[in-house]
């Protein structure tokens, strides 16, 4: 089944869900994709400066990795197409209007928004109102 592309439909069917757990973004200099796979990263991205990892806070703490902030994850349960236009902008604009940073990750079926842990409940209210 193809994902939804119409922005109005996406927003109407957003259905945000707050996931359990605390998450952090870390970087490991000079690391390559696949390094630290034992930490079971949720996502990774190879950057010029090193390997960026999205991990559970617990995994980062056990590995002694530094991070700046702790995040909660809100999954947007609508099946969005990777070709859809405007969903990321609409979500991040609405959250920004409430002083909430949004770190968005698009996966095949859903988009996931990582927001500061202390603002997760407010973010849920904001997204539910979309």
Protein backbone atom coordinates (compact mmCIF):
# COMPACT_ATOMS: atom_id res chain seq x y z
CA UNK A 1 0.00 0.00 0.00
CA UNK A 2 1.37 3.39 -1.00
CA UNK A 3 1.79 6.10 1.58
CA UNK A 4 -0.39 9.20 1.71
CA UNK A 5 0.89 12.26 -0.16
CA UNK A 6 -1.92 14.79 0.40
CA UNK A 7 -0.89 17.16 3.19
CA UNK A 8 -4.45 17.78 4.39
CA UNK A 9 -5.06 14.05 4.68
CA UNK A 10 -1.73 13.53 6.42
CA UNK A 11 -2.53 16.16 9.02
CA UNK A 12 -6.07 14.83 9.52
CA UNK A 13 -4.73 11.31 10.12
CA UNK A 14 -1.52 12.26 12.00
CA UNK A 15 -2.34 10.13 15.08
CA UNK A 16 0.79 10.99 17.14
CA UNK A 17 1.95 8.33 19.59
CA UNK A 18 4.46 8.98 22.38
CA UNK A 19 6.87 6.06 22.59
CA UNK A 20 8.33 4.80 25.84
CA UNK A 21 11.97 5.50 26.58
CA UNK A 22 14.58 8.21 26.59
CA UNK A 23 16.73 8.80 23.51
CA UNK A 24 19.98 10.64 22.78
CA UNK A 25 22.02 11.68 19.77
CA UNK A 26 25.73 10.88 19.96
CA UNK A 27 28.67 11.03 17.61
CA UNK A 28 31.75 8.86 17.40
CA UNK A 29 34.66 10.44 15.58
CA UNK A 30 36.39 8.38 12.89
CA UNK A 31 33.76 5.65 13.19
CA UNK A 32 32.16 4.03 10.17
CA UNK A 33 28.72 2.61 9.50
CA UNK A 34 28.37 -0.65 11.41
CA UNK A 35 30.73 0.37 14.19
CA UNK A 36 28.98 0.21 17.56
CA UNK A 37 26.23 -2.02 16.18
CA UNK A 38 26.28 -3.72 19.58
CA UNK A 39 24.66 -0.55 20.99
CA UNK A 40 21.62 -1.30 18.83
CA UNK A 41 21.21 2.22 17.41
CA UNK A 42 17.75 3.23 16.33
CA UNK A 43 19.31 5.21 13.50
CA UNK A 44 22.74 6.16 12.28
CA UNK A 45 24.10 8.62 9.77
CA UNK A 46 27.60 8.81 8.40
CA UNK A 47 28.84 12.39 8.57
CA UNK A 48 32.18 13.84 7.59
CA UNK A 49 33.01 14.34 11.28
CA UNK A 50 32.11 10.81 12.31
CA UNK A 51 29.21 8.44 12.84
CA UNK A 52 26.08 9.97 14.38
CA UNK A 53 23.96 7.56 16.37
CA UNK A 54 20.46 7.79 17.79
CA UNK A 55 20.45 5.53 20.84
CA UNK A 56 18.50 4.74 23.93
CA UNK A 57 19.88 6.84 26.76
CA UNK A 58 20.69 3.65 28.64
CA UNK A 59 22.86 2.29 25.82
CA UNK A 60 24.75 5.59 25.53
CA UNK A 61 25.32 5.69 29.30
CA UNK A 62 26.63 2.11 29.40
CA UNK A 63 29.01 2.89 26.51
CA UNK A 64 30.14 6.13 28.13
CA UNK A 65 29.10 8.22 25.13
CA UNK A 66 28.54 11.94 25.56
CA UNK A 67 25.28 13.62 24.60
CA UNK A 68 23.83 17.06 25.07
CA UNK A 69 20.10 16.47 25.53
CA UNK A 70 17.57 13.75 26.27
CA UNK A 71 14.63 13.30 23.89
CA UNK A 72 11.28 11.58 23.71
CA UNK A 73 10.03 10.10 20.46
CA UNK A 74 6.64 10.86 18.99
CA UNK A 75 5.75 8.60 16.07
CA UNK A 76 3.28 9.98 13.57
CA UNK A 77 1.21 6.90 12.86
CA UNK A 78 -0.14 8.06 9.52
CA UNK A 79 1.48 6.12 6.64
CA UNK A 80 3.18 9.02 4.89
CA UNK A 81 4.75 8.75 1.47
CA UNK A 82 8.41 9.65 1.19
CA UNK A 83 7.27 11.84 -1.73
CA UNK A 84 4.80 13.82 0.41
CA UNK A 85 5.44 17.55 0.53
CA UNK A 86 4.95 19.72 3.61
CA UNK A 87 4.47 17.31 6.52
CA UNK A 88 7.87 17.96 8.09
CA UNK A 89 7.41 21.71 7.64
CA UNK A 90 3.90 21.71 9.13
CA UNK A 91 4.93 19.67 12.16
CA UNK A 92 8.16 21.52 12.86
CA UNK A 93 6.54 24.94 12.31
CA UNK A 94 3.75 24.17 14.80
CA UNK A 95 6.20 22.83 17.39
CA UNK A 96 8.54 25.79 16.88
CA UNK A 97 5.64 28.17 17.55
CA UNK A 98 5.50 26.59 21.03
CA UNK A 99 9.27 26.69 21.59
CA UNK A 100 9.78 22.97 20.97
CA UNK A 101 12.69 21.73 18.89
CA UNK A 102 11.91 18.93 16.47
CA UNK A 103 14.42 16.41 15.19
CA UNK A 104 12.56 14.57 12.44
CA UNK A 105 13.41 11.17 11.02
CA UNK A 106 11.47 9.82 8.07
CA UNK A 107 11.22 6.07 7.80
CA UNK A 108 9.38 4.01 5.19
CA UNK A 109 5.95 3.99 6.86
CA UNK A 110 6.04 6.78 9.42
CA UNK A 111 7.78 9.96 10.47
CA UNK A 112 9.24 10.19 13.94
CA UNK A 113 9.77 13.41 15.89
CA UNK A 114 12.35 13.57 18.65
CA UNK A 115 11.49 16.38 21.06
CA UNK A 116 13.11 17.44 24.34
CA UNK A 117 11.91 15.05 27.04
CA UNK A 118 10.65 17.86 29.28
CA UNK A 119 8.42 19.15 26.46
CA UNK A 120 7.04 15.82 25.25
CA UNK A 121 3.57 16.19 26.76
CA UNK A 122 3.19 19.72 25.37
CA UNK A 123 4.38 18.45 21.97
CA UNK A 124 1.74 15.72 22.06
CA UNK A 125 -0.96 18.32 22.75
CA UNK A 126 0.31 20.55 19.94
CA UNK A 127 0.42 17.68 17.43
CA UNK A 128 -2.98 16.34 18.46
CA UNK A 129 -4.41 19.80 17.68
CA UNK A 130 -3.02 19.69 14.14
